[in-house]
C-alpha atoms as a PDB file:
ATOM      1  CA  GLN A   1      31.737  16.463 -70.478  1.00  0.00           C
ATOM      2  CA  VAL A   2      30.080  18.803 -72.994  1.00  0.00           C
ATOM      3  CA  GLN A   3      32.113  22.318 -72.419  1.00  0.00           C
ATOM      4  CA  LEU A   4      30.983  25.872 -73.786  1.00  0.00           C
ATOM      5  CA  VAL A   5      33.676  28.680 -73.637  1.00  0.00           C
ATOM      6  CA  GLU A   6      33.206  32.228 -74.423  1.00  0.00           C
ATOM      7  CA  SER A   7      35.545  34.294 -75.201  1.00  0.00           C
ATOM      8  CA  GLY A   8      35.939  38.457 -76.609  1.00  0.00           C
ATOM      9  CA  GLY A   9      34.486  40.373 -73.876  1.00  0.00           C
ATOM     10  CA  GLY A  10      35.833  43.211 -72.404  1.00  0.00           C
ATOM     11  CA  LEU A  11      36.023  46.830 -71.799  1.00  0.00           C
ATOM     12  CA  VAL A  12      34.801  49.478 -74.788  1.00  0.00           C
ATOM     13  CA  GLN A  13      33.635  52.780 -75.162  1.00  0.00           C
ATOM     14  CA  PRO A  14      30.367  53.415 -76.386  1.00  0.00           C
ATOM     15  CA  GLY A  15      29.857  53.566 -79.694  1.00  0.00           C
ATOM     16  CA  GLY A  16      32.658  50.777 -80.346  1.00  0.00           C
ATOM     17  CA  SER A  17      32.480  46.922 -81.139  1.00  0.00           C
ATOM     18  CA  LEU A  18      33.248  43.773 -80.115  1.00  0.00           C
ATOM     19  CA  ARG A  19      32.914  40.308 -81.268  1.00  0.00           C
ATOM     20  CA  LEU A  20      32.065  37.385 -78.939  1.00  0.00           C
ATOM     21  CA  SER A  21      33.063  33.663 -79.820  1.00  0.00           C
ATOM     22  CA  CYS A  22      31.825  30.409 -78.143  1.00  0.00           C
ATOM     23  CA  THR A  23      33.421  27.077 -79.045  1.00  0.00           C
ATOM     24  CA  SER A  24      31.727  23.842 -77.689  1.00  0.00           C
ATOM     25  CA  SER A  25      33.332  20.856 -77.138  1.00  0.00           C
ATOM     26  CA  GLY A  26      33.094  17.288 -75.933  1.00  0.00           C
ATOM     27  CA  ILE A  27      30.008  16.836 -78.724  1.00  0.00           C
ATOM     28  CA  ILE A  28      29.207  14.243 -81.267  1.00  0.00           C
ATOM     29  CA  PHE A  29      27.016  16.036 -83.170  1.00  0.00           C
ATOM     30  CA  SER A  30      26.591  19.774 -83.235  1.00  0.00           C
ATOM     31  CA  LEU A  31      23.663  21.649 -81.211  1.00  0.00           C
ATOM     32  CA  ASP A  32      20.774  22.434 -83.054  1.00  0.00           C
ATOM     33  CA  ILE A  33      20.013  25.817 -81.255  1.00  0.00           C
ATOM     34  CA  MET A  34      22.555  28.041 -79.867  1.00  0.00           C
ATOM     35  CA  GLY A  35      22.719  31.544 -78.772  1.00  0.00           C
ATOM     36  CA  TRP A  36      23.727  34.286 -76.591  1.00  0.00           C
ATOM     37  CA  TYR A  37      22.484  35.738 -73.339  1.00  0.00           C
ATOM     38  CA  ARG A  38      22.962  38.194 -71.233  1.00  0.00           C
ATOM     39  CA  GLN A  39      22.562  39.461 -67.473  1.00  0.00           C
ATOM     40  CA  ALA A  40      23.102  42.537 -65.708  1.00  0.00           C
ATOM     41  CA  PRO A  41      23.078  42.975 -62.309  1.00  0.00           C
ATOM     42  CA  GLY A  42      20.125  43.204 -60.697  1.00  0.00           C
ATOM     43  CA  LYS A  43      18.288  41.711 -63.949  1.00  0.00           C
ATOM     44  CA  GLU A  44      17.096  38.840 -64.754  1.00  0.00           C
ATOM     45  CA  ARG A  45      18.896  37.155 -67.887  1.00  0.00           C
ATOM     46  CA  GLU A  46      17.338  37.559 -71.212  1.00  0.00           C
ATOM     47  CA  LEU A  47      18.046  36.586 -74.802  1.00  0.00           C
ATOM     48  CA  VAL A  48      20.231  38.616 -76.708  1.00  0.00           C
ATOM     49  CA  ALA A  49      20.071  36.187 -80.114  1.00  0.00           C
ATOM     50  CA  SER A  50      19.763  33.069 -81.451  1.00  0.00           C
ATOM     51  CA  ILE A  51      20.511  30.894 -84.303  1.00  0.00           C
ATOM     52  CA  THR A  52      19.242  27.303 -85.408  1.00  0.00           C
ATOM     53  CA  SER A  53      21.851  24.544 -87.110  1.00  0.00           C
ATOM     54  CA  GLY A  54      19.755  25.867 -90.390  1.00  0.00           C
ATOM     55  CA  GLY A  55      20.785  29.342 -90.008  1.00  0.00           C
ATOM     56  CA  ASN A  56      17.552  30.655 -88.627  1.00  0.00           C
ATOM     57  CA  ARG A  57      17.992  33.842 -86.813  1.00  0.00           C
ATOM     58  CA  ASN A  58      16.004  35.230 -83.666  1.00  0.00           C
ATOM     59  CA  TYR A  59      17.144  38.777 -82.074  1.00  0.00           C
ATOM     60  CA  ALA A  60      15.780  40.580 -79.138  1.00  0.00           C
ATOM     61  CA  GLU A  61      13.859  43.616 -80.562  1.00  0.00           C
ATOM     62  CA  SER A  62      16.360  46.197 -78.729  1.00  0.00           C
ATOM     63  CA  GLU A  63      19.345  44.627 -80.248  1.00  0.00           C
ATOM     64  CA  LYS A  64      17.911  44.180 -84.255  1.00  0.00           C
ATOM     65  CA  GLY A  65      19.911  46.238 -86.574  1.00  0.00           C
ATOM     66  CA  ARG A  66      23.158  46.356 -83.978  1.00  0.00           C
ATOM     67  CA  PHE A  67      24.041  42.629 -83.216  1.00  0.00           C
ATOM     68  CA  THR A  68      24.498  39.776 -85.446  1.00  0.00           C
ATOM     69  CA  ILE A  69      24.700  36.144 -84.723  1.00  0.00           C
ATOM     70  CA  SER A  70      26.452  33.398 -87.136  1.00  0.00           C
ATOM     71  CA  ARG A  71      27.831  30.183 -86.732  1.00  0.00           C
ATOM     72  CA  ASP A  72      30.825  28.406 -88.152  1.00  0.00           C
ATOM     73  CA  GLY A  73      29.376  24.561 -87.677  1.00  0.00           C
ATOM     74  CA  ALA A  74      32.468  22.996 -88.638  1.00  0.00           C
ATOM     75  CA  LYS A  75      34.532  24.651 -85.889  1.00  0.00           C
ATOM     76  CA  ASN A  76      31.508  24.302 -83.315  1.00  0.00           C
ATOM     77  CA  THR A  77      31.573  28.387 -82.642  1.00  0.00           C
ATOM     78  CA  VAL A  78      29.110  30.762 -82.552  1.00  0.00           C
ATOM     79  CA  TYR A  79      29.764  34.469 -83.008  1.00  0.00           C
ATOM     80  CA  LEU A  80      27.956  37.487 -81.733  1.00  0.00           C
ATOM     81  CA  GLN A  81      29.024  40.990 -83.736  1.00  0.00           C
ATOM     82  CA  MET A  82      28.066  43.775 -81.580  1.00  0.00           C
ATOM     83  CA  ASN A  83      28.301  47.262 -82.892  1.00  0.00           C
ATOM     84  CA  SER A  84      27.636  50.614 -81.643  1.00  0.00           C
ATOM     85  CA  LEU A  85      27.773  49.338 -78.070  1.00  0.00           C
ATOM     86  CA  LYS A  86      25.822  51.562 -75.399  1.00  0.00           C
ATOM     87  CA  PRO A  87      26.234  51.519 -71.503  1.00  0.00           C
ATOM     88  CA  GLU A  88      22.951  49.235 -71.411  1.00  0.00           C
ATOM     89  CA  ASP A  89      24.644  46.382 -73.187  1.00  0.00           C
ATOM     90  CA  THR A  90      27.015  45.903 -70.276  1.00  0.00           C
ATOM     91  CA  ALA A  91      26.206  42.780 -68.535  1.00  0.00           C
ATOM     92  CA  VAL A  92      27.788  38.774 -68.373  1.00  0.00           C
ATOM     93  CA  TYR A  93      26.993  37.517 -71.476  1.00  0.00           C
ATOM     94  CA  TYR A  94      26.342  33.740 -71.853  1.00  0.00           C
ATOM     95  CA  CYS A  95      26.949  31.294 -74.525  1.00  0.00           C
ATOM     96  CA  ASN A  96      23.885  28.277 -74.723  1.00  0.00           C
ATOM     97  CA  GLY A  97      23.640  25.382 -76.710  1.00  0.00           C
ATOM     98  CA  ARG A  98      20.590  22.428 -76.522  1.00  0.00           C
ATOM     99  CA  TYR A  99      19.221  19.676 -78.913  1.00  0.00           C
ATOM    100  CA  VAL A 100      15.741  19.789 -80.436  1.00  0.00           C
ATOM    101  CA  GLY A 101      14.383  17.374 -77.854  1.00  0.00           C
ATOM    102  CA  GLY A 102      16.561  17.475 -75.141  1.00  0.00           C
ATOM    103  CA  SER A 103      16.127  17.529 -71.601  1.00  0.00           C
ATOM    104  CA  ARG A 104      18.551  20.298 -70.398  1.00  0.00           C
ATOM    105  CA  ASP A 105      20.404  23.148 -71.909  1.00  0.00           C
ATOM    106  CA  TYR A 106      24.251  23.536 -71.911  1.00  0.00           C
ATOM    107  CA  TRP A 107      25.777  27.060 -70.524  1.00  0.00           C
ATOM    108  CA  GLY A 108      28.798  28.568 -71.032  1.00  0.00           C
ATOM    109  CA  GLN A 109      30.772  30.423 -67.742  1.00  0.00           C
ATOM    110  CA  GLY A 110      29.982  34.153 -69.108  1.00  0.00           C
ATOM    111  CA  THR A 111      32.186  36.794 -70.418  1.00  0.00           C
ATOM    112  CA  GLN A 112      32.029  40.415 -68.863  1.00  0.00           C
ATOM    113  CA  VAL A 113      30.979  43.116 -71.532  1.00  0.00           C
ATOM    114  CA  THR A 114      31.274  46.525 -70.076  1.00  0.00           C
ATOM    115  CA  VAL A 115      30.849  50.165 -72.066  1.00  0.00           C
ATOM    116  CA  SER A 116      31.771  52.846 -70.424  1.00  0.00           C
ATOM    117  CA  SER A 117      33.683  55.815 -70.978  1.00  0.00           C
END
């Protein structure tokens, strides 16, 4: 019933920018914590950034200064602004959401980001 849908991925040249969006539906209350994860071929899924309903943010060390996570609670949407993209940022990016004290995470289907010349 709960559904997270990502958009905004695509092909971009090194140094370019993209903004990913994730909108949740089928929920009564806003998810307490939302985040972006990514998974490159042959690698484990890793956290990129997260944000709480109170606006507290957490970033992976390698993305600090380049990526910015934000959310619009009224629209049930979380964003990831990605600047100065590098080829190593190439991955499928997944939206994640959960409730504090909840028993499971909710995941989107992912959106492909490819950084290449």
